[in-house]
Amino acid sequence: MKIKEETLGELSSFFLKEKPILILKCLLKSKQYSKKVYASKLVIMSDTTISHTIKILKMFKFFGFTESITKGRRNFLNLTEKGEHLARLIEDLDIICLRK
């Protein structure tokens, strides 16, 4: 049974795509290891284009999953508490899907 994309909310249809999930996981890993991350580094880590990454990051900021901190010319990204919770839920979903 195929569910039409129109029936999914805007947020759920956004997060069922590979690249946003990958970028969210990269942000979580950087937070876990206390590393500073910025957009161009996420491009390399997630193997996307800069324009696609920026678009995804704007959506994250709109929904309150990320915050940005400007230091000099660099714009560092952090997950908010809400974003970290979502990233952990996605990791849990991966674990559940990999169980036999």
C-alpha atoms as a PDB file:
ATOM      1  CA  MET A   1       0.000   0.000   0.000  1.00  0.00           C
ATOM      2  CA  LYS A   2       1.467   3.308  -1.082  1.00  0.00           C
ATOM      3  CA  ILE A   3       0.688   6.452   0.890  1.00  0.00           C
ATOM      4  CA  LYS A   4       0.444   9.585  -1.197  1.00  0.00           C
ATOM      5  CA  GLU A   5       2.950  12.285  -0.321  1.00  0.00           C
ATOM      6  CA  GLU A   6       0.126  14.815   0.052  1.00  0.00           C
ATOM      7  CA  THR A   7      -1.188  12.911   3.066  1.00  0.00           C
ATOM      8  CA  LEU A   8       2.087  13.297   4.925  1.00  0.00           C
ATOM      9  CA  GLY A   9       2.731  16.540   6.749  1.00  0.00           C
ATOM     10  CA  GLU A  10       5.372  18.894   5.419  1.00  0.00           C
ATOM     11  CA  LEU A  11       7.726  18.008   8.268  1.00  0.00           C
ATOM     12  CA  SER A  12       7.409  14.232   7.956  1.00  0.00           C
ATOM     13  CA  SER A  13       7.855  14.255   4.184  1.00  0.00           C
ATOM     14  CA  PHE A  14      10.951  16.389   4.666  1.00  0.00           C
ATOM     15  CA  PHE A  15      12.548  14.049   7.207  1.00  0.00           C
ATOM     16  CA  LEU A  16      11.914  10.872   5.280  1.00  0.00           C
ATOM     17  CA  LYS A  17      14.583  11.947   2.814  1.00  0.00           C
ATOM     18  CA  GLU A  18      18.159  10.699   2.991  1.00  0.00           C
ATOM     19  CA  LYS A  19      20.178  13.939   2.989  1.00  0.00           C
ATOM     20  CA  PRO A  20      18.335  15.801   5.789  1.00  0.00           C
ATOM     21  CA  ILE A  21      18.666  12.731   8.000  1.00  0.00           C
ATOM     22  CA  LEU A  22      22.360  12.415   7.145  1.00  0.00           C
ATOM     23  CA  ILE A  23      22.998  16.089   7.932  1.00  0.00           C
ATOM     24  CA  LEU A  24      21.114  15.760  11.223  1.00  0.00           C
ATOM     25  CA  LYS A  25      23.242  12.742  12.169  1.00  0.00           C
ATOM     26  CA  CYS A  26      26.433  14.654  11.267  1.00  0.00           C
ATOM     27  CA  LEU A  27      25.346  17.509  13.529  1.00  0.00           C
ATOM     28  CA  LEU A  28      24.670  15.057  16.363  1.00  0.00           C
ATOM     29  CA  LYS A  29      28.088  13.413  15.972  1.00  0.00           C
ATOM     30  CA  SER A  30      29.804  16.790  16.016  1.00  0.00           C
ATOM     31  CA  LYS A  31      27.934  17.668  19.212  1.00  0.00           C
ATOM     32  CA  GLN A  32      28.841  14.347  20.841  1.00  0.00           C
ATOM     33  CA  TYR A  33      32.543  14.912  20.119  1.00  0.00           C
ATOM     34  CA  SER A  34      32.369  18.643  20.965  1.00  0.00           C
ATOM     35  CA  LYS A  35      33.547  19.615  17.500  1.00  0.00           C
ATOM     36  CA  LYS A  36      32.514  22.821  15.814  1.00  0.00           C
ATOM     37  CA  VAL A  37      30.835  22.333  12.469  1.00  0.00           C
ATOM     38  CA  TYR A  38      29.886  24.772   9.725  1.00  0.00           C
ATOM     39  CA  ALA A  39      27.964  24.466   6.468  1.00  0.00           C
ATOM     40  CA  SER A  40      30.885  23.729   4.145  1.00  0.00           C
ATOM     41  CA  LYS A  41      32.063  20.949   6.456  1.00  0.00           C
ATOM     42  CA  LEU A  42      28.556  19.438   6.397  1.00  0.00           C
ATOM     43  CA  VAL A  43      28.695  19.470   2.589  1.00  0.00           C
ATOM     44  CA  ILE A  44      31.747  17.219   2.706  1.00  0.00           C
ATOM     45  CA  MET A  45      30.387  14.988   5.466  1.00  0.00           C
ATOM     46  CA  SER A  46      26.999  14.464   3.786  1.00  0.00           C
ATOM     47  CA  ASP A  47      28.124  14.471   0.150  1.00  0.00           C
ATOM     48  CA  THR A  48      25.645  17.133  -0.975  1.00  0.00           C
ATOM     49  CA  THR A  49      25.928  20.418  -2.806  1.00  0.00           C
ATOM     50  CA  ILE A  50      26.312  23.654  -0.844  1.00  0.00           C
ATOM     51  CA  SER A  51      22.970  24.994  -2.090  1.00  0.00           C
ATOM     52  CA  HIS A  52      21.122  21.831  -1.045  1.00  0.00           C
ATOM     53  CA  THR A  53      22.822  21.849   2.355  1.00  0.00           C
ATOM     54  CA  ILE A  54      21.942  25.514   2.937  1.00  0.00           C
ATOM     55  CA  LYS A  55      18.311  24.815   2.012  1.00  0.00           C
ATOM     56  CA  ILE A  56      18.177  21.928   4.498  1.00  0.00           C
ATOM     57  CA  LEU A  57      19.822  24.033   7.218  1.00  0.00           C
ATOM     58  CA  LYS A  58      17.262  26.812   6.668  1.00  0.00           C
ATOM     59  CA  MET A  59      14.481  24.270   7.211  1.00  0.00           C
ATOM     60  CA  PHE A  60      16.206  23.002  10.363  1.00  0.00           C
ATOM     61  CA  LYS A  61      16.431  26.551  11.686  1.00  0.00           C
ATOM     62  CA  PHE A  62      12.796  27.258  10.775  1.00  0.00           C
ATOM     63  CA  PHE A  63      11.599  24.225  12.748  1.00  0.00           C
ATOM     64  CA  GLY A  64      13.924  25.045  15.660  1.00  0.00           C
ATOM     65  CA  PHE A  65      16.296  22.091  15.303  1.00  0.00           C
ATOM     66  CA  THR A  66      19.487  24.111  14.859  1.00  0.00           C
ATOM     67  CA  GLU A  67      20.975  27.382  15.973  1.00  0.00           C
ATOM     68  CA  SER A  68      23.900  29.260  14.524  1.00  0.00           C
ATOM     69  CA  ILE A  69      26.746  31.009  16.307  1.00  0.00           C
ATOM     70  CA  THR A  70      28.832  33.532  14.391  1.00  0.00           C
ATOM     71  CA  LYS A  71      32.500  33.809  15.323  1.00  0.00           C
ATOM     72  CA  GLY A  72      34.440  36.041  13.000  1.00  0.00           C
ATOM     73  CA  ARG A  73      33.606  35.049   9.446  1.00  0.00           C
ATOM     74  CA  ARG A  74      32.493  31.527  10.346  1.00  0.00           C
ATOM     75  CA  ASN A  75      28.923  30.568  11.115  1.00  0.00           C
ATOM     76  CA  PHE A  76      29.006  27.485  13.367  1.00  0.00           C
ATOM     77  CA  LEU A  77      25.958  25.252  13.719  1.00  0.00           C
ATOM     78  CA  ASN A  78      24.620  23.525  16.813  1.00  0.00           C
ATOM     79  CA  LEU A  79      21.643  21.307  17.450  1.00  0.00           C
ATOM     80  CA  THR A  80      19.062  22.683  19.830  1.00  0.00           C
ATOM     81  CA  GLU A  81      17.613  20.430  22.522  1.00  0.00           C
ATOM     82  CA  LYS A  82      14.694  19.731  20.186  1.00  0.00           C
ATOM     83  CA  GLY A  83      17.069  18.893  17.309  1.00  0.00           C
ATOM     84  CA  GLU A  84      19.176  16.614  19.462  1.00  0.00           C
ATOM     85  CA  HIS A  85      16.068  14.758  20.614  1.00  0.00           C
ATOM     86  CA  LEU A  86      14.963  14.281  17.003  1.00  0.00           C
ATOM     87  CA  ALA A  87      18.412  13.040  15.948  1.00  0.00           C
ATOM     88  CA  ARG A  88      18.431  10.487  18.765  1.00  0.00           C
ATOM     89  CA  LEU A  89      14.957   9.286  17.756  1.00  0.00           C
ATOM     90  CA  ILE A  90      16.167   8.794  14.189  1.00  0.00           C
ATOM     91  CA  GLU A  91      19.161   6.812  15.471  1.00  0.00           C
ATOM     92  CA  ASP A  92      16.769   4.669  17.527  1.00  0.00           C
ATOM     93  CA  LEU A  93      14.664   4.117  14.416  1.00  0.00           C
ATOM     94  CA  ASP A  94      17.774   2.901  12.574  1.00  0.00           C
ATOM     95  CA  ILE A  95      18.514   0.460  15.388  1.00  0.00           C
ATOM     96  CA  ILE A  96      14.935  -0.862  15.348  1.00  0.00           C
ATOM     97  CA  CYS A  97      15.003  -1.315  11.560  1.00  0.00           C
ATOM     98  CA  LEU A  98      18.290  -3.228  11.684  1.00  0.00           C
ATOM     99  CA  ARG A  99      17.046  -5.766  14.262  1.00  0.00           C
ATOM    100  CA  LYS A 100      16.152  -9.186  12.984  1.00  0.00           C
END
